[in-house]
Each structure stands twice: as C-alpha cells, then as structure tokens.
Amino acid sequence: MTEQQKLKAQAAAFQRLIVHLQERTDVQNIDLMNLSGFCRNCLARWFQEAINDQDLELDKMSAREMIYGMPYDDWKKEHQKP
C-alpha cells in the first residue's frame, strides 16, 4: 500500500465515522466521552487543528458544523438532552 492509498483509506474511514455520528443523534457527546474518551467536539477540534497545521484557516464553529452536519447550536437544540 502506498502512502497515498493509506491516506485515502484513512480519509474514507474518517468520513464514514462522521456520517455514522451524524446519523446516531441519539448518542450524546457525554456518553461518547465517558465510553471512548472523545466526542464530536473533540473530532471537530482535531479536524480544525489538522487544517490549521496546513496553514489553512478553519474556525471552531465551522469545524463543528462539518462534524455535526449542521450548525452546532441547531444540533444542540434538536438533539442534546437536558
């Protein structure tokens, strides 16, 4: 496997994880954090850091929107349990 093939597979797996989490709105971030040590916000932060490491700009809320599939505040209103 070439480095390019590996990166392509990693990107596809990451995208699949994002879609899975967007579909599983019943899974709360606190549950993810307690069970796995990361949540959607962590993924958004890691994504933002990876973009910024390439000397590109991505702010926190835009990164969250990419992970949540909608604006973060909208996701919280629709799916976050009190």
PDB file of N, CA and C in Angstrom:
ATOM      1  N   MET A   1       0.846  -1.168   0.000  1.00  0.00           N
ATOM      2  CA  MET A   1       0.000   0.000   0.000  1.00  0.00           C
ATOM      3  C   MET A   1       0.897   1.239   0.000  1.00  0.00           C
ATOM      4  N   THR A   2       0.595   2.142  -0.897  1.00  0.00           N
ATOM      5  CA  THR A   2       1.361   3.385  -0.954  1.00  0.00           C
ATOM      6  C   THR A   2       0.864   4.349   0.123  1.00  0.00           C
ATOM      7  N   GLU A   3       1.649   5.368   0.387  1.00  0.00           N
ATOM      8  CA  GLU A   3       1.237   6.382   1.358  1.00  0.00           C
ATOM      9  C   GLU A   3      -0.042   7.080   0.899  1.00  0.00           C
ATOM     10  N   GLN A   4      -0.153   7.333  -0.397  1.00  0.00           N
ATOM     11  CA  GLN A   4      -1.355   7.968  -0.952  1.00  0.00           C
ATOM     12  C   GLN A   4      -2.586   7.086  -0.733  1.00  0.00           C
ATOM     13  N   GLN A   5      -2.452   5.783  -0.962  1.00  0.00           N
ATOM     14  CA  GLN A   5      -3.568   4.858  -0.752  1.00  0.00           C
ATOM     15  C   GLN A   5      -3.957   4.804   0.725  1.00  0.00           C
ATOM     16  N   LYS A   6      -2.966   4.807   1.580  1.00  0.00           N
ATOM     17  CA  LYS A   6      -3.218   4.787   3.021  1.00  0.00           C
ATOM     18  C   LYS A   6      -3.975   6.043   3.454  1.00  0.00           C
ATOM     19  N   LEU A   7      -3.533   7.205   2.990  1.00  0.00           N
ATOM     20  CA  LEU A   7      -4.204   8.459   3.331  1.00  0.00           C
ATOM     21  C   LEU A   7      -5.637   8.483   2.810  1.00  0.00           C
ATOM     22  N   LYS A   8      -5.839   7.959   1.613  1.00  0.00           N
ATOM     23  CA  LYS A   8      -7.183   7.913   1.027  1.00  0.00           C
ATOM     24  C   LYS A   8      -8.095   7.009   1.859  1.00  0.00           C
ATOM     25  N   ALA A   9      -7.585   5.870   2.293  1.00  0.00           N
ATOM     26  CA  ALA A   9      -8.367   4.949   3.118  1.00  0.00           C
ATOM     27  C   ALA A   9      -8.669   5.566   4.487  1.00  0.00           C
ATOM     28  N   GLN A  10      -7.687   6.245   5.067  1.00  0.00           N
ATOM     29  CA  GLN A  10      -7.906   6.900   6.354  1.00  0.00           C
ATOM     30  C   GLN A  10      -8.966   7.993   6.234  1.00  0.00           C
ATOM     31  N   ALA A  11      -8.912   8.761   5.169  1.00  0.00           N
ATOM     32  CA  ALA A  11      -9.906   9.815   4.949  1.00  0.00           C
ATOM     33  C   ALA A  11     -11.296   9.216   4.783  1.00  0.00           C
ATOM     34  N   ALA A  12     -11.399   8.110   4.063  1.00  0.00           N
ATOM     35  CA  ALA A  12     -12.690   7.448   3.862  1.00  0.00           C
ATOM     36  C   ALA A  12     -13.235   6.912   5.187  1.00  0.00           C
ATOM     37  N   ALA A  13     -12.368   6.339   6.004  1.00  0.00           N
ATOM     38  CA  ALA A  13     -12.799   5.823   7.308  1.00  0.00           C
ATOM     39  C   ALA A  13     -13.250   6.965   8.217  1.00  0.00           C
ATOM     40  N   PHE A  14     -12.520   8.072   8.187  1.00  0.00           N
ATOM     41  CA  PHE A  14     -12.896   9.237   8.987  1.00  0.00           C
ATOM     42  C   PHE A  14     -14.249   9.774   8.535  1.00  0.00           C
ATOM     43  N   GLN A  15     -14.449   9.865   7.221  1.00  0.00           N
ATOM     44  CA  GLN A  15     -15.726  10.339   6.692  1.00  0.00           C
ATOM     45  C   GLN A  15     -16.860   9.403   7.100  1.00  0.00           C
ATOM     46  N   ARG A  16     -16.602   8.118   7.085  1.00  0.00           N
ATOM     47  CA  ARG A  16     -17.623   7.149   7.494  1.00  0.00           C
ATOM     48  C   ARG A  16     -17.973   7.324   8.973  1.00  0.00           C
ATOM     49  N   LEU A  17     -16.975   7.585   9.810  1.00  0.00           N
ATOM     50  CA  LEU A  17     -17.224   7.843  11.225  1.00  0.00           C
ATOM     51  C   LEU A  17     -18.077   9.094  11.399  1.00  0.00           C
ATOM     52  N   ILE A  18     -17.773  10.138  10.662  1.00  0.00           N
ATOM     53  CA  ILE A  18     -18.546  11.376  10.756  1.00  0.00           C
ATOM     54  C   ILE A  18     -20.000  11.127  10.373  1.00  0.00           C
ATOM     55  N   VAL A  19     -20.227  10.452   9.253  1.00  0.00           N
ATOM     56  CA  VAL A  19     -21.596  10.157   8.809  1.00  0.00           C
ATOM     57  C   VAL A  19     -22.315   9.309   9.861  1.00  0.00           C
ATOM     58  N   HIS A  20     -21.621   8.332  10.396  1.00  0.00           N
ATOM     59  CA  HIS A  20     -22.215   7.471  11.422  1.00  0.00           C
ATOM     60  C   HIS A  20     -22.660   8.299  12.627  1.00  0.00           C
ATOM     61  N   LEU A  21     -21.802   9.202  13.088  1.00  0.00           N
ATOM     62  CA  LEU A  21     -22.155  10.036  14.236  1.00  0.00           C
ATOM     63  C   LEU A  21     -23.265  11.026  13.897  1.00  0.00           C
ATOM     64  N   GLN A  22     -23.313  11.499  12.655  1.00  0.00           N
ATOM     65  CA  GLN A  22     -24.405  12.383  12.248  1.00  0.00           C
ATOM     66  C   GLN A  22     -25.734  11.635  12.235  1.00  0.00           C
ATOM     67  N   GLU A  23     -25.699  10.369  11.888  1.00  0.00           N
ATOM     68  CA  GLU A  23     -26.919   9.556  11.860  1.00  0.00           C
ATOM     69  C   GLU A  23     -27.340   9.121  13.262  1.00  0.00           C
ATOM     70  N   ARG A  24     -26.397   8.979  14.160  1.00  0.00           N
ATOM     71  CA  ARG A  24     -26.681   8.495  15.519  1.00  0.00           C
ATOM     72  C   ARG A  24     -26.817   9.670  16.483  1.00  0.00           C
ATOM     73  N   THR A  25     -27.817  10.501  16.223  1.00  0.00           N
ATOM     74  CA  THR A  25     -28.042  11.660  17.082  1.00  0.00           C
ATOM     75  C   THR A  25     -28.536  11.254  18.467  1.00  0.00           C
ATOM     76  N   ASP A  26     -28.952   9.994  18.612  1.00  0.00           N
ATOM     77  CA  ASP A  26     -29.367   9.506  19.925  1.00  0.00           C
ATOM     78  C   ASP A  26     -28.178   9.330  20.864  1.00  0.00           C
ATOM     79  N   VAL A  27     -26.986   9.239  20.314  1.00  0.00           N
ATOM     80  CA  VAL A  27     -25.781   9.091  21.128  1.00  0.00           C
ATOM     81  C   VAL A  27     -25.301  10.486  21.527  1.00  0.00           C
ATOM     82  N   GLN A  28     -25.318  10.736  22.815  1.00  0.00           N
ATOM     83  CA  GLN A  28     -24.936  12.043  23.326  1.00  0.00           C
ATOM     84  C   GLN A  28     -23.421  12.155  23.458  1.00  0.00           C
ATOM     85  N   ASN A  29     -22.924  13.370  23.339  1.00  0.00           N
ATOM     86  CA  ASN A  29     -21.482  13.601  23.460  1.00  0.00           C
ATOM     87  C   ASN A  29     -20.932  13.132  24.803  1.00  0.00           C
ATOM     88  N   ILE A  30     -21.687  13.351  25.868  1.00  0.00           N
ATOM     89  CA  ILE A  30     -21.206  12.951  27.190  1.00  0.00           C
ATOM     90  C   ILE A  30     -21.031  11.437  27.256  1.00  0.00           C
ATOM     91  N   ASP A  31     -21.930  10.701  26.597  1.00  0.00           N
ATOM     92  CA  ASP A  31     -21.814   9.242  26.567  1.00  0.00           C
ATOM     93  C   ASP A  31     -20.587   8.815  25.769  1.00  0.00           C
ATOM     94  N   LEU A  32     -20.372   9.471  24.634  1.00  0.00           N
ATOM     95  CA  LEU A  32     -19.166   9.186  23.849  1.00  0.00           C
ATOM     96  C   LEU A  32     -17.915   9.449  24.680  1.00  0.00           C
ATOM     97  N   MET A  33     -17.895  10.575  25.356  1.00  0.00           N
ATOM     98  CA  MET A  33     -16.725  10.950  26.144  1.00  0.00           C
ATOM     99  C   MET A  33     -16.482   9.951  27.269  1.00  0.00           C
ATOM    100  N   ASN A  34     -17.551   9.563  27.959  1.00  0.00           N
ATOM    101  CA  ASN A  34     -17.402   8.625  29.075  1.00  0.00           C
ATOM    102  C   ASN A  34     -16.938   7.249  28.613  1.00  0.00           C
ATOM    103  N   LEU A  35     -17.428   6.803  27.460  1.00  0.00           N
ATOM    104  CA  LEU A  35     -17.093   5.463  26.979  1.00  0.00           C
ATOM    105  C   LEU A  35     -15.799   5.399  26.180  1.00  0.00           C
ATOM    106  N   SER A  36     -15.521   6.450  25.415  1.00  0.00           N
ATOM    107  CA  SER A  36     -14.395   6.360  24.479  1.00  0.00           C
ATOM    108  C   SER A  36     -13.300   7.402  24.702  1.00  0.00           C
ATOM    109  N   GLY A  37     -13.587   8.398  25.505  1.00  0.00           N
ATOM    110  CA  GLY A  37     -12.581   9.423  25.756  1.00  0.00           C
ATOM    111  C   GLY A  37     -12.534  10.519  24.704  1.00  0.00           C
ATOM    112  N   PHE A  38     -13.497  10.525  23.786  1.00  0.00           N
ATOM    113  CA  PHE A  38     -13.603  11.607  22.803  1.00  0.00           C
ATOM    114  C   PHE A  38     -15.065  11.777  22.424  1.00  0.00           C
ATOM    115  N   CYS A  39     -15.377  12.927  21.829  1.00  0.00           N
ATOM    116  CA  CYS A  39     -16.746  13.198  21.386  1.00  0.00           C
ATOM    117  C   CYS A  39     -16.702  13.956  20.062  1.00  0.00           C
ATOM    118  N   ARG A  40     -17.856  14.367  19.593  1.00  0.00           N
ATOM    119  CA  ARG A  40     -17.930  15.101  18.330  1.00  0.00           C
ATOM    120  C   ARG A  40     -17.116  16.394  18.392  1.00  0.00           C
ATOM    121  N   ASN A  41     -17.149  17.064  19.541  1.00  0.00           N
ATOM    122  CA  ASN A  41     -16.379  18.302  19.680  1.00  0.00           C
ATOM    123  C   ASN A  41     -14.885  18.033  19.587  1.00  0.00           C
ATOM    124  N   CYS A  42     -14.443  16.914  20.133  1.00  0.00           N
ATOM    125  CA  CYS A  42     -13.029  16.534  20.016  1.00  0.00           C
ATOM    126  C   CYS A  42     -12.666  16.329  18.551  1.00  0.00           C
ATOM    127  N   LEU A  43     -13.518  15.604  17.819  1.00  0.00           N
ATOM    128  CA  LEU A  43     -13.261  15.384  16.391  1.00  0.00           C
ATOM    129  C   LEU A  43     -13.178  16.708  15.644  1.00  0.00           C
ATOM    130  N   ALA A  44     -14.087  17.627  15.974  1.00  0.00           N
ATOM    131  CA  ALA A  44     -14.075  18.937  15.323  1.00  0.00           C
ATOM    132  C   ALA A  44     -12.778  19.681  15.633  1.00  0.00           C
ATOM    133  N   ARG A  45     -12.343  19.623  16.886  1.00  0.00           N
ATOM    134  CA  ARG A  45     -11.096  20.292  17.268  1.00  0.00           C
ATOM    135  C   ARG A  45      -9.900  19.669  16.551  1.00  0.00           C
ATOM    136  N   TRP A  46      -9.844  18.345  16.494  1.00  0.00           N
ATOM    137  CA  TRP A  46      -8.739  17.670  15.802  1.00  0.00           C
ATOM    138  C   TRP A  46      -8.741  18.012  14.320  1.00  0.00           C
ATOM    139  N   PHE A  47      -9.937  18.091  13.732  1.00  0.00           N
ATOM    140  CA  PHE A  47     -10.051  18.445  12.322  1.00  0.00           C
ATOM    141  C   PHE A  47      -9.563  19.876  12.103  1.00  0.00           C
ATOM    142  N   GLN A  48      -9.997  20.780  12.975  1.00  0.00           N
ATOM    143  CA  GLN A  48      -9.561  22.175  12.883  1.00  0.00           C
ATOM    144  C   GLN A  48      -8.048  22.277  13.003  1.00  0.00           C
ATOM    145  N   GLU A  49      -7.465  21.565  13.954  1.00  0.00           N
ATOM    146  CA  GLU A  49      -6.016  21.593  14.132  1.00  0.00           C
ATOM    147  C   GLU A  49      -5.294  21.059  12.898  1.00  0.00           C
ATOM    148  N   ALA A  50      -5.830  19.996  12.293  1.00  0.00           N
ATOM    149  CA  ALA A  50      -5.207  19.420  11.097  1.00  0.00           C
ATOM    150  C   ALA A  50      -5.251  20.406   9.932  1.00  0.00           C
ATOM    151  N   ILE A  51      -6.367  21.114   9.797  1.00  0.00           N
ATOM    152  CA  ILE A  51      -6.485  22.129   8.742  1.00  0.00           C
ATOM    153  C   ILE A  51      -5.502  23.268   9.013  1.00  0.00           C
ATOM    154  N   ASN A  52      -5.492  23.753  10.248  1.00  0.00           N
ATOM    155  CA  ASN A  52      -4.612  24.865  10.601  1.00  0.00           C
ATOM    156  C   ASN A  52      -3.139  24.489  10.478  1.00  0.00           C
ATOM    157  N   ASP A  53      -2.809  23.222  10.722  1.00  0.00           N
ATOM    158  CA  ASP A  53      -1.427  22.758  10.558  1.00  0.00           C
ATOM    159  C   ASP A  53      -0.960  22.840   9.108  1.00  0.00           C
ATOM    160  N   GLN A  54      -1.917  22.902   8.185  1.00  0.00           N
ATOM    161  CA  GLN A  54      -1.593  23.031   6.764  1.00  0.00           C
ATOM    162  C   GLN A  54      -1.583  24.500   6.334  1.00  0.00           C
ATOM    163  N   ASP A  55      -1.537  25.398   7.318  1.00  0.00           N
ATOM    164  CA  ASP A  55      -1.561  26.846   7.072  1.00  0.00           C
ATOM    165  C   ASP A  55      -2.836  27.286   6.367  1.00  0.00           C
ATOM    166  N   LEU A  56      -3.928  26.578   6.633  1.00  0.00           N
ATOM    167  CA  LEU A  56      -5.250  26.959   6.156  1.00  0.00           C
ATOM    168  C   LEU A  56      -6.054  27.410   7.368  1.00  0.00           C
ATOM    169  N   GLU A  57      -7.114  28.138   7.135  1.00  0.00           N
ATOM    170  CA  GLU A  57      -7.917  28.665   8.230  1.00  0.00           C
ATOM    171  C   GLU A  57      -9.243  27.923   8.337  1.00  0.00           C
ATOM    172  N   LEU A  58      -9.576  27.530   9.541  1.00  0.00           N
ATOM    173  CA  LEU A  58     -10.878  26.953   9.845  1.00  0.00           C
ATOM    174  C   LEU A  58     -11.176  27.295  11.296  1.00  0.00           C
ATOM    175  N   ASP A  59     -12.286  27.998  11.527  1.00  0.00           N
ATOM    176  CA  ASP A  59     -12.618  28.366  12.898  1.00  0.00           C
ATOM    177  C   ASP A  59     -13.378  27.228  13.590  1.00  0.00           C
ATOM    178  N   LYS A  60     -13.487  27.350  14.892  1.00  0.00           N
ATOM    179  CA  LYS A  60     -14.073  26.294  15.721  1.00  0.00           C
ATOM    180  C   LYS A  60     -15.505  25.952  15.309  1.00  0.00           C
ATOM    181  N   MET A  61     -16.333  26.955  15.091  1.00  0.00           N
ATOM    182  CA  MET A  61     -17.736  26.689  14.768  1.00  0.00           C
ATOM    183  C   MET A  61     -17.889  26.076  13.377  1.00  0.00           C
ATOM    184  N   SER A  62     -17.058  26.468  12.438  1.00  0.00           N
ATOM    185  CA  SER A  62     -17.097  25.861  11.101  1.00  0.00           C
ATOM    186  C   SER A  62     -16.660  24.404  11.163  1.00  0.00           C
ATOM    187  N   ALA A  63     -15.657  24.124  11.976  1.00  0.00           N
ATOM    188  CA  ALA A  63     -15.207  22.738  12.147  1.00  0.00           C
ATOM    189  C   ALA A  63     -16.313  21.899  12.768  1.00  0.00           C
ATOM    190  N   ARG A  64     -16.982  22.443  13.762  1.00  0.00           N
ATOM    191  CA  ARG A  64     -18.090  21.709  14.386  1.00  0.00           C
ATOM    192  C   ARG A  64     -19.210  21.453  13.389  1.00  0.00           C
ATOM    193  N   GLU A  65     -19.513  22.441  12.564  1.00  0.00           N
ATOM    194  CA  GLU A  65     -20.571  22.251  11.566  1.00  0.00           C
ATOM    195  C   GLU A  65     -20.210  21.126  10.599  1.00  0.00           C
ATOM    196  N   MET A  66     -18.947  21.002  10.265  1.00  0.00           N
ATOM    197  CA  MET A  66     -18.519  19.931   9.366  1.00  0.00           C
ATOM    198  C   MET A  66     -18.696  18.564  10.025  1.00  0.00           C
ATOM    199  N   ILE A  67     -18.486  18.478  11.323  1.00  0.00           N
ATOM    200  CA  ILE A  67     -18.628  17.210  12.035  1.00  0.00           C
ATOM    201  C   ILE A  67     -20.100  16.909  12.337  1.00  0.00           C
ATOM    202  N   TYR A  68     -20.833  17.904  12.796  1.00  0.00           N
ATOM    203  CA  TYR A  68     -22.231  17.697  13.168  1.00  0.00           C
ATOM    204  C   TYR A  68     -23.164  17.623  11.962  1.00  0.00           C
ATOM    205  N   GLY A  69     -22.754  18.188  10.838  1.00  0.00           N
ATOM    206  CA  GLY A  69     -23.605  18.198   9.653  1.00  0.00           C
ATOM    207  C   GLY A  69     -24.637  19.313   9.671  1.00  0.00           C
ATOM    208  N   MET A  70     -24.519  20.209  10.625  1.00  0.00           N
ATOM    209  CA  MET A  70     -25.407  21.366  10.766  1.00  0.00           C
ATOM    210  C   MET A  70     -24.755  22.305  11.770  1.00  0.00           C
ATOM    211  N   PRO A  71     -25.235  23.540  11.859  1.00  0.00           N
ATOM    212  CA  PRO A  71     -24.671  24.428  12.877  1.00  0.00           C
ATOM    213  C   PRO A  71     -24.795  23.805  14.272  1.00  0.00           C
ATOM    214  N   TYR A  72     -23.763  23.975  15.064  1.00  0.00           N
ATOM    215  CA  TYR A  72     -23.689  23.357  16.386  1.00  0.00           C
ATOM    216  C   TYR A  72     -24.883  23.730  17.263  1.00  0.00           C
ATOM    217  N   ASP A  73     -25.262  25.008  17.272  1.00  0.00           N
ATOM    218  CA  ASP A  73     -26.392  25.433  18.102  1.00  0.00           C
ATOM    219  C   ASP A  73     -27.682  24.750  17.674  1.00  0.00           C
ATOM    220  N   ASP A  74     -27.866  24.550  16.371  1.00  0.00           N
ATOM    221  CA  ASP A  74     -29.051  23.839  15.881  1.00  0.00           C
ATOM    222  C   ASP A  74     -29.039  22.388  16.345  1.00  0.00           C
ATOM    223  N   TRP A  75     -27.873  21.747  16.276  1.00  0.00           N
ATOM    224  CA  TRP A  75     -27.772  20.353  16.714  1.00  0.00           C
ATOM    225  C   TRP A  75     -28.122  20.234  18.198  1.00  0.00           C
ATOM    226  N   LYS A  76     -27.598  21.163  18.990  1.00  0.00           N
ATOM    227  CA  LYS A  76     -27.889  21.125  20.426  1.00  0.00           C
ATOM    228  C   LYS A  76     -29.385  21.268  20.684  1.00  0.00           C
ATOM    229  N   LYS A  77     -30.039  22.190  19.986  1.00  0.00           N
ATOM    230  CA  LYS A  77     -31.480  22.396  20.177  1.00  0.00           C
ATOM    231  C   LYS A  77     -32.279  21.162  19.780  1.00  0.00           C
ATOM    232  N   GLU A  78     -31.871  20.512  18.699  1.00  0.00           N
ATOM    233  CA  GLU A  78     -32.628  19.377  18.174  1.00  0.00           C
ATOM    234  C   GLU A  78     -32.319  18.054  18.863  1.00  0.00           C
ATOM    235  N   HIS A  79     -31.085  17.870  19.310  1.00  0.00           N
ATOM    236  CA  HIS A  79     -30.672  16.527  19.725  1.00  0.00           C
ATOM    237  C   HIS A  79     -30.089  16.404  21.127  1.00  0.00           C
ATOM    238  N   GLN A  80     -29.588  17.487  21.699  1.00  0.00           N
ATOM    239  CA  GLN A  80     -28.947  17.369  23.010  1.00  0.00           C
ATOM    240  C   GLN A  80     -30.001  17.251  24.099  1.00  0.00           C
ATOM    241  N   LYS A  81     -29.841  16.243  24.930  1.00  0.00           N
ATOM    242  CA  LYS A  81     -30.774  16.035  26.033  1.00  0.00           C
ATOM    243  C   LYS A  81     -30.356  16.903  27.214  1.00  0.00           C
ATOM    244  N   PRO A  82     -31.349  17.384  27.962  1.00  0.00           N
ATOM    245  CA  PRO A  82     -31.038  18.240  29.123  1.00  0.00           C
ATOM    246  C   PRO A  82     -30.274  17.501  30.206  1.00  0.00           C
TER     247      PRO A  82
END
